[in-house]
Amino acid sequence: MPVRSLGYIRWTTPQAEAWRDFATGILGLMSVSGPDPDSLYFRNDDRPYRLVVTPGTEPQVSLGFEVTDDIELEVMATGLEYAGVKVVAGSEEEAAARLVTGLVKLEDPAGIPVELYHGPILDHVRLQTPLVSGFVTGAQGMGHVVLGVEDLEPSVDFYRRALGFARRNTMRMDLGATQMGIHFLGCNPRHHTLGLVNMPMPGGLVHVMVEAVELDDVGMAYDRCHEQKVPIAMTLGRHTNDHMVSFYCLSPDGVMVEFGWGGLAVEEPETTYEITKGSLWGHKPPRR
């Protein structure tokens, strides 16, 4: 039984406080309260907080993947243990802090913390996003995330075989003496929920993506970055694989955030493929 969606991201960073204005004033996320007074909590739909930013001396990402229910969580945990993965049951206090009914904790082959959970606890407070018309979530989860790892194959194998992700496509790039490989993995109609690249990053996080409901949301977010002098990492463009129209900006600690619209919905089953170009147009480094 596979993972159903990316439910939440927990990001530890020395620049946590600076995310407050960035997440709300640039990305248009909704700031909400949470159990830890030192952490920041943000929503992009009617689910509990999707992004938690916590202060820490070193950056570290942790991923929360949603499964259908308690039985599915138990089956997955048993399968992981049988495969030799150390699985730890989350405490009632940890589940309450995440507003979920139950969870287990583990690490992927790159040492990135992963949580599997079921039963989000809803507060039925309507999402308030005055800067954005809304975000594409639901069965597709909160968005997608790309992780940078030292050794690519063990991580790809883990997410495909142990967590049930489908490999949608790959890409190879020659970088002089080394070759960079990227695998794009999906677990629901979103083209990819997870990207893996052999490019280690502090804390494991390369970028996170949120998808807006309207194309104008992307343009207005792009304008906000220019008006508030938020650095642009890659200009507006359209990807070859998921067809997303998007741009990339830099968060306060330098992690990229992709803000997009129009992502491809994949109907299973679909054969995998390799791309030789990342974008149909755009996604260029900005002129300095």
C-alpha atoms as a PDB file:
ATOM      1  CA  MET A   1       0.000   0.000   0.000  1.00  0.00           C
ATOM      2  CA  PRO A   2       1.652   3.257  -1.074  1.00  0.00           C
ATOM      3  CA  VAL A   3       1.947   6.721   0.391  1.00  0.00           C
ATOM      4  CA  ARG A   4      -1.011   8.878  -0.703  1.00  0.00           C
ATOM      5  CA  SER A   5       0.419  12.409  -0.596  1.00  0.00           C
ATOM      6  CA  LEU A   6       2.921  14.836   0.872  1.00  0.00           C
ATOM      7  CA  GLY A   7       1.063  16.034   3.944  1.00  0.00           C
ATOM      8  CA  TYR A   8       3.535  18.407   5.561  1.00  0.00           C
ATOM      9  CA  ILE A   9       7.102  19.648   5.638  1.00  0.00           C
ATOM     10  CA  ARG A  10       8.942  20.475   8.833  1.00  0.00           C
ATOM     11  CA  TRP A  11      11.944  22.728   8.211  1.00  0.00           C
ATOM     12  CA  THR A  12      14.530  23.557  10.863  1.00  0.00           C
ATOM     13  CA  THR A  13      16.638  26.616  10.041  1.00  0.00           C
ATOM     14  CA  PRO A  14      18.733  29.334  11.716  1.00  0.00           C
ATOM     15  CA  GLN A  15      16.616  31.863   9.772  1.00  0.00           C
ATOM     16  CA  ALA A  16      13.249  30.693  11.053  1.00  0.00           C
ATOM     17  CA  GLU A  17      11.859  34.067  12.099  1.00  0.00           C
ATOM     18  CA  ALA A  18      12.525  35.565   8.664  1.00  0.00           C
ATOM     19  CA  TRP A  19      10.156  32.976   7.181  1.00  0.00           C
ATOM     20  CA  ARG A  20       7.191  34.678   8.866  1.00  0.00           C
ATOM     21  CA  ASP A  21       6.939  37.564   6.390  1.00  0.00           C
ATOM     22  CA  PHE A  22       8.237  35.486   3.472  1.00  0.00           C
ATOM     23  CA  ALA A  23       5.654  32.708   3.800  1.00  0.00           C
ATOM     24  CA  THR A  24       2.699  35.057   4.249  1.00  0.00           C
ATOM     25  CA  GLY A  25       3.752  38.186   2.346  1.00  0.00           C
ATOM     26  CA  ILE A  26       5.371  36.492  -0.661  1.00  0.00           C
ATOM     27  CA  LEU A  27       3.940  32.978  -0.916  1.00  0.00           C
ATOM     28  CA  GLY A  28       0.491  33.891   0.418  1.00  0.00           C
ATOM     29  CA  LEU A  29       0.305  31.098   2.989  1.00  0.00           C
ATOM     30  CA  MET A  30      -1.926  31.450   6.040  1.00  0.00           C
ATOM     31  CA  SER A  31      -0.162  31.825   9.378  1.00  0.00           C
ATOM     32  CA  VAL A  32      -1.764  29.821  12.193  1.00  0.00           C
ATOM     33  CA  SER A  33      -0.944  28.990  15.781  1.00  0.00           C
ATOM     34  CA  GLY A  34       0.702  25.746  16.857  1.00  0.00           C
ATOM     35  CA  PRO A  35       1.864  23.949  19.987  1.00  0.00           C
ATOM     36  CA  ASP A  36       5.464  25.193  19.926  1.00  0.00           C
ATOM     37  CA  PRO A  37       5.658  28.946  20.602  1.00  0.00           C
ATOM     38  CA  ASP A  38       9.086  29.139  18.943  1.00  0.00           C
ATOM     39  CA  SER A  39       7.942  27.560  15.658  1.00  0.00           C
ATOM     40  CA  LEU A  40       5.984  29.068  12.782  1.00  0.00           C
ATOM     41  CA  TYR A  41       2.970  27.256  11.306  1.00  0.00           C
ATOM     42  CA  PHE A  42       1.457  27.809   7.861  1.00  0.00           C
ATOM     43  CA  ARG A  43      -1.484  26.412   5.889  1.00  0.00           C
ATOM     44  CA  ASN A  44      -2.341  26.411   2.182  1.00  0.00           C
ATOM     45  CA  ASP A  45      -5.709  24.635   2.385  1.00  0.00           C
ATOM     46  CA  ASP A  46      -8.267  23.341   4.912  1.00  0.00           C
ATOM     47  CA  ARG A  47      -5.871  20.773   6.393  1.00  0.00           C
ATOM     48  CA  PRO A  48      -3.753  21.325   9.512  1.00  0.00           C
ATOM     49  CA  TYR A  49      -0.529  23.252   9.070  1.00  0.00           C
ATOM     50  CA  ARG A  50       1.333  22.097   5.998  1.00  0.00           C
ATOM     51  CA  LEU A  51       4.618  23.902   6.697  1.00  0.00           C
ATOM     52  CA  VAL A  52       6.283  24.140  10.100  1.00  0.00           C
ATOM     53  CA  VAL A  53       9.441  26.243  10.414  1.00  0.00           C
ATOM     54  CA  THR A  54      11.473  25.768  13.585  1.00  0.00           C
ATOM     55  CA  PRO A  55      14.606  27.623  14.728  1.00  0.00           C
ATOM     56  CA  GLY A  56      17.775  25.560  14.954  1.00  0.00           C
ATOM     57  CA  THR A  57      21.516  25.906  14.566  1.00  0.00           C
ATOM     58  CA  GLU A  58      21.639  23.603  11.519  1.00  0.00           C
ATOM     59  CA  PRO A  59      19.147  23.267   8.654  1.00  0.00           C
ATOM     60  CA  GLN A  60      17.168  20.010   8.419  1.00  0.00           C
ATOM     61  CA  VAL A  61      14.089  18.969   6.501  1.00  0.00           C
ATOM     62  CA  SER A  62      11.584  16.373   7.706  1.00  0.00           C
ATOM     63  CA  LEU A  63       8.761  15.050   5.517  1.00  0.00           C
ATOM     64  CA  GLY A  64       5.289  13.923   6.544  1.00  0.00           C
ATOM     65  CA  PHE A  65       3.524  11.555   4.134  1.00  0.00           C
ATOM     66  CA  GLU A  66      -0.169  10.761   4.533  1.00  0.00           C
ATOM     67  CA  VAL A  67      -1.644   7.253   4.260  1.00  0.00           C
ATOM     68  CA  THR A  68      -5.300   6.269   4.129  1.00  0.00           C
ATOM     69  CA  ASP A  69      -5.957   5.029   7.664  1.00  0.00           C
ATOM     70  CA  ASP A  70      -4.603   3.178  10.703  1.00  0.00           C
ATOM     71  CA  ILE A  71      -4.680  -0.223   9.011  1.00  0.00           C
ATOM     72  CA  GLU A  72      -2.690   1.048   6.046  1.00  0.00           C
ATOM     73  CA  LEU A  73      -0.183   2.675   8.405  1.00  0.00           C
ATOM     74  CA  GLU A  74       0.223  -0.599  10.294  1.00  0.00           C
ATOM     75  CA  VAL A  75       0.717  -2.589   7.090  1.00  0.00           C
ATOM     76  CA  MET A  76       3.317  -0.124   5.791  1.00  0.00           C
ATOM     77  CA  ALA A  77       5.198  -0.044   9.094  1.00  0.00           C
ATOM     78  CA  THR A  78       5.296  -3.849   9.195  1.00  0.00           C
ATOM     79  CA  GLY A  79       6.572  -4.006   5.625  1.00  0.00           C
ATOM     80  CA  LEU A  80       9.265  -1.439   6.347  1.00  0.00           C
ATOM     81  CA  GLU A  81      10.462  -3.336   9.413  1.00  0.00           C
ATOM     82  CA  TYR A  82      10.522  -6.569   7.420  1.00  0.00           C
ATOM     83  CA  ALA A  83      12.733  -4.774   4.870  1.00  0.00           C
ATOM     84  CA  GLY A  84      15.162  -3.798   7.630  1.00  0.00           C
ATOM     85  CA  VAL A  85      14.061  -0.186   8.141  1.00  0.00           C
ATOM     86  CA  LYS A  86      13.984   1.003  11.743  1.00  0.00           C
ATOM     87  CA  VAL A  87      10.468   2.252  12.460  1.00  0.00           C
ATOM     88  CA  VAL A  88       9.508   4.047  15.683  1.00  0.00           C
ATOM     89  CA  ALA A  89       5.917   4.643  16.723  1.00  0.00           C
ATOM     90  CA  GLY A  90       5.130   8.299  17.334  1.00  0.00           C
ATOM     91  CA  SER A  91       3.854   9.183  20.786  1.00  0.00           C
ATOM     92  CA  GLU A  92       0.409  10.567  21.508  1.00  0.00           C
ATOM     93  CA  GLU A  93       2.069  13.907  22.265  1.00  0.00           C
ATOM     94  CA  GLU A  94       3.849  13.914  18.893  1.00  0.00           C
ATOM     95  CA  ALA A  95       0.630  13.061  17.084  1.00  0.00           C
ATOM     96  CA  ALA A  96      -1.219  15.831  18.923  1.00  0.00           C
ATOM     97  CA  ALA A  97       1.511  18.337  18.023  1.00  0.00           C
ATOM     98  CA  ARG A  98       1.045  17.469  14.333  1.00  0.00           C
ATOM     99  CA  LEU A  99      -2.768  17.408  14.526  1.00  0.00           C
ATOM    100  CA  VAL A 100      -2.886  13.819  13.289  1.00  0.00           C
ATOM    101  CA  THR A 101      -4.399  10.654  14.741  1.00  0.00           C
ATOM    102  CA  GLY A 102      -1.293   8.473  14.543  1.00  0.00           C
ATOM    103  CA  LEU A 103       2.182   8.346  13.038  1.00  0.00           C
ATOM    104  CA  VAL A 104       5.407   6.393  12.753  1.00  0.00           C
ATOM    105  CA  LYS A 105       8.918   7.789  12.299  1.00  0.00           C
ATOM    106  CA  LEU A 106      11.865   6.549  10.240  1.00  0.00           C
ATOM    107  CA  GLU A 107      14.789   7.759   8.141  1.00  0.00           C
ATOM    108  CA  ASP A 108      15.377   7.354   4.430  1.00  0.00           C
ATOM    109  CA  PRO A 109      18.750   6.036   3.176  1.00  0.00           C
ATOM    110  CA  ALA A 110      20.147   9.589   3.089  1.00  0.00           C
ATOM    111  CA  GLY A 111      19.289  10.090   6.764  1.00  0.00           C
ATOM    112  CA  ILE A 112      16.374  12.441   6.090  1.00  0.00           C
ATOM    113  CA  PRO A 113      13.624  12.077   8.720  1.00  0.00           C
ATOM    114  CA  VAL A 114      10.347  10.750   7.329  1.00  0.00           C
ATOM    115  CA  GLU A 115       7.009  10.460   9.087  1.00  0.00           C
ATOM    116  CA  LEU A 116       4.043   8.407   7.909  1.00  0.00           C
ATOM    117  CA  TYR A 117       0.714   9.437   9.406  1.00  0.00           C
ATOM    118  CA  HIS A 118      -3.034   9.019   9.132  1.00  0.00           C
ATOM    119  CA  GLY A 119      -6.116  10.899  10.233  1.00  0.00           C
ATOM    120  CA  PRO A 120      -5.472  14.657  10.048  1.00  0.00           C
ATOM    121  CA  ILE A 121      -7.516  16.519  12.661  1.00  0.00           C
ATOM    122  CA  LEU A 122      -9.417  19.391  11.043  1.00  0.00           C
ATOM    123  CA  ASP A 123     -10.363  22.651  12.761  1.00  0.00           C
ATOM    124  CA  HIS A 124     -12.910  23.673  10.053  1.00  0.00           C
ATOM    125  CA  VAL A 125     -11.524  27.221   9.911  1.00  0.00           C
ATOM    126  CA  ARG A 126     -11.719  28.527   6.348  1.00  0.00           C
ATOM    127  CA  LEU A 127      -8.398  29.198   4.635  1.00  0.00           C
ATOM    128  CA  GLN A 128      -7.633  32.910   4.363  1.00  0.00           C
ATOM    129  CA  THR A 129      -5.190  33.728   1.558  1.00  0.00           C
ATOM    130  CA  PRO A 130      -5.762  37.369   0.556  1.00  0.00           C
ATOM    131  CA  LEU A 131      -2.749  37.345  -1.802  1.00  0.00           C
ATOM    132  CA  VAL A 132      -3.580  34.087  -3.610  1.00  0.00           C
ATOM    133  CA  SER A 133      -6.879  32.808  -5.004  1.00  0.00           C
ATOM    134  CA  GLY A 134      -6.099  29.351  -3.628  1.00  0.00           C
ATOM    135  CA  PHE A 135      -3.733  26.403  -3.930  1.00  0.00           C
ATOM    136  CA  VAL A 136      -4.005  23.048  -5.713  1.00  0.00           C
ATOM    137  CA  THR A 137      -3.970  20.442  -2.932  1.00  0.00           C
ATOM    138  CA  GLY A 138      -6.621  17.828  -2.033  1.00  0.00           C
ATOM    139  CA  ALA A 139      -5.622  14.358  -3.220  1.00  0.00           C
ATOM    140  CA  GLN A 140      -2.417  15.866  -4.633  1.00  0.00           C
ATOM    141  CA  GLY A 141      -1.151  16.932  -1.207  1.00  0.00           C
ATOM    142  CA  MET A 142       0.489  20.204  -0.262  1.00  0.00           C
ATOM    143  CA  GLY A 143       2.821  20.386  -3.278  1.00  0.00           C
ATOM    144  CA  HIS A 144       6.158  18.793  -4.076  1.00  0.00           C
ATOM    145  CA  VAL A 145       9.639  18.699  -2.616  1.00  0.00           C
ATOM    146  CA  VAL A 146      13.069  17.997  -4.104  1.00  0.00           C
ATOM    147  CA  LEU A 147      15.783  16.460  -1.945  1.00  0.00           C
ATOM    148  CA  GLY A 148      19.527  16.513  -2.503  1.00  0.00           C
ATOM    149  CA  VAL A 149      21.325  13.284  -1.565  1.00  0.00           C
ATOM    150  CA  GLU A 150      24.857  11.925  -1.780  1.00  0.00           C
ATOM    151  CA  ASP A 151      24.004   8.504  -3.199  1.00  0.00           C
ATOM    152  CA  LEU A 152      21.002   8.587  -5.516  1.00  0.00           C
ATOM    153  CA  GLU A 153      20.124   4.951  -6.178  1.00  0.00           C
ATOM    154  CA  PRO A 154      19.453   3.792  -2.578  1.00  0.00           C
ATOM    155  CA  SER A 155      17.082   6.716  -2.019  1.00  0.00           C
ATOM    156  CA  VAL A 156      15.257   6.154  -5.301  1.00  0.00           C
ATOM    157  CA  ASP A 157      14.913   2.450  -4.528  1.00  0.00           C
ATOM    158  CA  PHE A 158      13.622   3.171  -1.009  1.00  0.00           C
ATOM    159  CA  TYR A 159      10.882   5.567  -2.094  1.00  0.00           C
ATOM    160  CA  ARG A 160       9.808   3.319  -4.978  1.00  0.00           C
ATOM    161  CA  ARG A 161       9.918  -0.085  -3.304  1.00  0.00           C
ATOM    162  CA  ALA A 162       9.304   0.726   0.368  1.00  0.00           C
ATOM    163  CA  LEU A 163       6.889   3.671   0.095  1.00  0.00           C
ATOM    164  CA  GLY A 164       5.254   2.844  -3.239  1.00  0.00           C
ATOM    165  CA  PHE A 165       6.176   5.890  -5.326  1.00  0.00           C
ATOM    166  CA  ALA A 166       6.021   5.613  -9.123  1.00  0.00           C
ATOM    167  CA  ARG A 167       8.960   6.875 -11.140  1.00  0.00           C
ATOM    168  CA  ARG A 168       7.482   9.324 -13.610  1.00  0.00           C
ATOM    169  CA  ASN A 169      10.664  10.389 -15.397  1.00  0.00           C
ATOM    170  CA  THR A 170      14.401  10.939 -15.107  1.00  0.00           C
ATOM    171  CA  MET A 171      16.935  13.482 -16.340  1.00  0.00           C
ATOM    172  CA  ARG A 172      20.722  13.497 -16.635  1.00  0.00           C
ATOM    173  CA  MET A 173      22.966  16.539 -16.778  1.00  0.00           C
ATOM    174  CA  ASP A 174      26.699  16.596 -17.454  1.00  0.00           C
ATOM    175  CA  LEU A 175      28.514  18.911 -15.046  1.00  0.00           C
ATOM    176  CA  GLY A 176      32.087  18.616 -16.215  1.00  0.00           C
ATOM    177  CA  ALA A 177      33.714  15.751 -14.351  1.00  0.00           C
ATOM    178  CA  THR A 178      30.457  14.630 -12.752  1.00  0.00           C
ATOM    179  CA  GLN A 179      27.006  13.708 -13.961  1.00  0.00           C
ATOM    180  CA  MET A 180      23.914  14.854 -12.099  1.00  0.00           C
ATOM    181  CA  GLY A 181      20.877  12.602 -12.166  1.00  0.00           C
ATOM    182  CA  ILE A 182      17.327  13.542 -11.215  1.00  0.00           C
ATOM    183  CA  HIS A 183      14.417  11.191 -10.546  1.00  0.00           C
ATOM    184  CA  PHE A 184      10.863  12.517 -10.377  1.00  0.00           C
ATOM    185  CA  LEU A 185       8.521  10.322  -8.317  1.00  0.00           C
ATOM    186  CA  GLY A 186       4.740  10.482  -7.953  1.00  0.00           C
ATOM    187  CA  CYS A 187       2.215   8.965  -5.557  1.00  0.00           C
ATOM    188  CA  ASN A 188      -1.033  10.590  -6.749  1.00  0.00           C
ATOM    189  CA  PRO A 189      -2.229  12.560  -9.819  1.00  0.00           C
ATOM    190  CA  ARG A 190       0.375  15.311  -9.215  1.00  0.00           C
ATOM    191  CA  HIS A 191       3.107  14.593 -11.750  1.00  0.00           C
ATOM    192  CA  HIS A 192       5.751  14.407  -9.042  1.00  0.00           C
ATOM    193  CA  THR A 193       5.462  14.733  -5.304  1.00  0.00           C
ATOM    194  CA  LEU A 194       9.157  14.013  -4.746  1.00  0.00           C
ATOM    195  CA  GLY A 195      12.317  14.758  -6.681  1.00  0.00           C
ATOM    196  CA  LEU A 196      15.694  13.217  -5.851  1.00  0.00           C
ATOM    197  CA  VAL A 197      18.988  14.568  -7.148  1.00  0.00           C
ATOM    198  CA  ASN A 198      22.582  13.551  -6.387  1.00  0.00           C
ATOM    199  CA  MET A 199      23.468  17.026  -5.175  1.00  0.00           C
ATOM    200  CA  PRO A 200      23.770  17.083  -1.371  1.00  0.00           C
ATOM    201  CA  MET A 201      22.332  20.210   0.238  1.00  0.00           C
ATOM    202  CA  PRO A 202      22.435  21.507   3.824  1.00  0.00           C
ATOM    203  CA  GLY A 203      19.505  19.867   5.575  1.00  0.00           C
ATOM    204  CA  GLY A 204      18.674  17.842   2.461  1.00  0.00           C
ATOM    205  CA  LEU A 205      16.270  20.383   0.941  1.00  0.00           C
ATOM    206  CA  VAL A 206      16.745  21.640  -2.645  1.00  0.00           C
ATOM    207  CA  HIS A 207      13.341  23.230  -3.129  1.00  0.00           C
ATOM    208  CA  VAL A 208       9.687  23.047  -2.226  1.00  0.00           C
ATOM    209  CA  MET A 209       6.828  23.816  -4.624  1.00  0.00           C
ATOM    210  CA  VAL A 210       3.350  25.214  -4.055  1.00  0.00           C
ATOM    211  CA  GLU A 211       0.844  25.321  -6.915  1.00  0.00           C
ATOM    212  CA  ALA A 212      -1.655  28.166  -7.202  1.00  0.00           C
ATOM    213  CA  VAL A 213      -5.144  27.894  -8.666  1.00  0.00           C
ATOM    214  CA  GLU A 214      -4.810  30.759 -11.171  1.00  0.00           C
ATOM    215  CA  LEU A 215      -2.019  31.785 -13.531  1.00  0.00           C
ATOM    216  CA  ASP A 216      -2.418  35.371 -12.329  1.00  0.00           C
ATOM    217  CA  ASP A 217      -1.420  34.182  -8.852  1.00  0.00           C
ATOM    218  CA  VAL A 218       2.003  33.316 -10.260  1.00  0.00           C
ATOM    219  CA  GLY A 219       2.398  36.679 -11.955  1.00  0.00           C
ATOM    220  CA  MET A 220       1.384  38.599  -8.862  1.00  0.00           C
ATOM    221  CA  ALA A 221       3.742  36.552  -6.660  1.00  0.00           C
ATOM    222  CA  TYR A 222       6.501  37.295  -9.183  1.00  0.00           C
ATOM    223  CA  ASP A 223       5.713  41.000  -8.860  1.00  0.00           C
ATOM    224  CA  ARG A 224       5.793  40.777  -5.052  1.00  0.00           C
ATOM    225  CA  CYS A 225       9.281  39.309  -5.198  1.00  0.00           C
ATOM    226  CA  HIS A 226      10.493  42.238  -7.292  1.00  0.00           C
ATOM    227  CA  GLU A 227       8.699  44.817  -5.151  1.00  0.00           C
ATOM    228  CA  GLN A 228      10.038  43.368  -1.897  1.00  0.00           C
ATOM    229  CA  LYS A 229      13.486  42.580  -3.327  1.00  0.00           C
ATOM    230  CA  VAL A 230      13.213  38.835  -2.793  1.00  0.00           C
ATOM    231  CA  PRO A 231      15.917  37.214  -4.952  1.00  0.00           C
ATOM    232  CA  ILE A 232      14.737  35.324  -8.040  1.00  0.00           C
ATOM    233  CA  ALA A 233      16.640  32.076  -8.573  1.00  0.00           C
ATOM    234  CA  MET A 234      15.009  31.190 -11.918  1.00  0.00           C
ATOM    235  CA  THR A 235      12.745  33.325 -14.051  1.00  0.00           C
ATOM    236  CA  LEU A 236       9.270  32.427 -15.286  1.00  0.00           C
ATOM    237  CA  GLY A 237       9.239  29.283 -17.388  1.00  0.00           C
ATOM    238  CA  ARG A 238       7.382  26.084 -18.215  1.00  0.00           C
ATOM    239  CA  HIS A 239       8.754  22.634 -17.386  1.00  0.00           C
ATOM    240  CA  THR A 240       8.910  19.819 -19.918  1.00  0.00           C
ATOM    241  CA  ASN A 241       7.785  17.056 -17.568  1.00  0.00           C
ATOM    242  CA  ASP A 242       4.967  18.423 -15.373  1.00  0.00           C
ATOM    243  CA  HIS A 243       4.113  21.385 -17.684  1.00  0.00           C
ATOM    244  CA  MET A 244       4.162  23.700 -14.672  1.00  0.00           C
ATOM    245  CA  VAL A 245       4.389  27.433 -15.373  1.00  0.00           C
ATOM    246  CA  SER A 246       6.464  28.736 -12.492  1.00  0.00           C
ATOM    247  CA  PHE A 247       9.348  30.741 -11.146  1.00  0.00           C
ATOM    248  CA  TYR A 248      11.810  30.065  -8.340  1.00  0.00           C
ATOM    249  CA  CYS A 249      12.615  32.504  -5.571  1.00  0.00           C
ATOM    250  CA  LEU A 250      15.012  32.257  -2.636  1.00  0.00           C
ATOM    251  CA  SER A 251      13.704  31.884   0.889  1.00  0.00           C
ATOM    252  CA  PRO A 252      15.422  33.797   3.729  1.00  0.00           C
ATOM    253  CA  ASP A 253      17.911  30.951   4.267  1.00  0.00           C
ATOM    254  CA  GLY A 254      18.614  30.417   0.556  1.00  0.00           C
ATOM    255  CA  VAL A 255      16.395  27.385  -0.074  1.00  0.00           C
ATOM    256  CA  MET A 256      14.494  27.718  -3.329  1.00  0.00           C
ATOM    257  CA  VAL A 257      10.711  27.862  -3.450  1.00  0.00           C
ATOM    258  CA  GLU A 258       8.932  27.155  -6.727  1.00  0.00           C
ATOM    259  CA  PHE A 259       5.651  29.006  -7.145  1.00  0.00           C
ATOM    260  CA  GLY A 260       3.670  27.484  -9.988  1.00  0.00           C
ATOM    261  CA  TRP A 261       0.410  26.933 -11.848  1.00  0.00           C
ATOM    262  CA  GLY A 262      -1.011  24.443 -14.337  1.00  0.00           C
ATOM    263  CA  GLY A 263       0.748  21.267 -13.289  1.00  0.00           C
ATOM    264  CA  LEU A 264       0.085  18.063 -15.200  1.00  0.00           C
ATOM    265  CA  ALA A 265      -2.281  15.512 -13.653  1.00  0.00           C
ATOM    266  CA  VAL A 266      -1.123  11.971 -14.452  1.00  0.00           C
ATOM    267  CA  GLU A 267      -3.638   9.178 -14.908  1.00  0.00           C
ATOM    268  CA  GLU A 268      -2.122   5.850 -13.890  1.00  0.00           C
ATOM    269  CA  PRO A 269      -0.676   3.715 -15.242  1.00  0.00           C
ATOM    270  CA  GLU A 270       1.775   5.618 -17.428  1.00  0.00           C
ATOM    271  CA  THR A 271       5.148   4.526 -18.750  1.00  0.00           C
ATOM    272  CA  THR A 272       8.269   6.265 -17.510  1.00  0.00           C
ATOM    273  CA  TYR A 273      10.596   8.338 -19.687  1.00  0.00           C
ATOM    274  CA  GLU A 274      13.744  10.462 -19.684  1.00  0.00           C
ATOM    275  CA  ILE A 275      13.844  14.148 -20.488  1.00  0.00           C
ATOM    276  CA  THR A 276      16.828  15.921 -22.003  1.00  0.00           C
ATOM    277  CA  LYS A 277      15.711  19.458 -21.230  1.00  0.00           C
ATOM    278  CA  GLY A 278      14.190  20.806 -18.033  1.00  0.00           C
ATOM    279  CA  SER A 279      12.050  23.565 -19.490  1.00  0.00           C
ATOM    280  CA  LEU A 280      10.216  24.313 -22.719  1.00  0.00           C
ATOM    281  CA  TRP A 281      11.017  27.983 -22.192  1.00  0.00           C
ATOM    282  CA  GLY A 282      12.262  30.249 -19.416  1.00  0.00           C
ATOM    283  CA  HIS A 283      13.562  29.185 -16.009  1.00  0.00           C
ATOM    284  CA  LYS A 284      16.773  31.127 -16.641  1.00  0.00           C
ATOM    285  CA  PRO A 285      19.052  32.676 -14.035  1.00  0.00           C
ATOM    286  CA  PRO A 286      18.087  36.346 -13.768  1.00  0.00           C
ATOM    287  CA  ARG A 287      20.340  39.036 -15.140  1.00  0.00           C
ATOM    288  CA  ARG A 288      22.379  40.741 -12.462  1.00  0.00           C
END
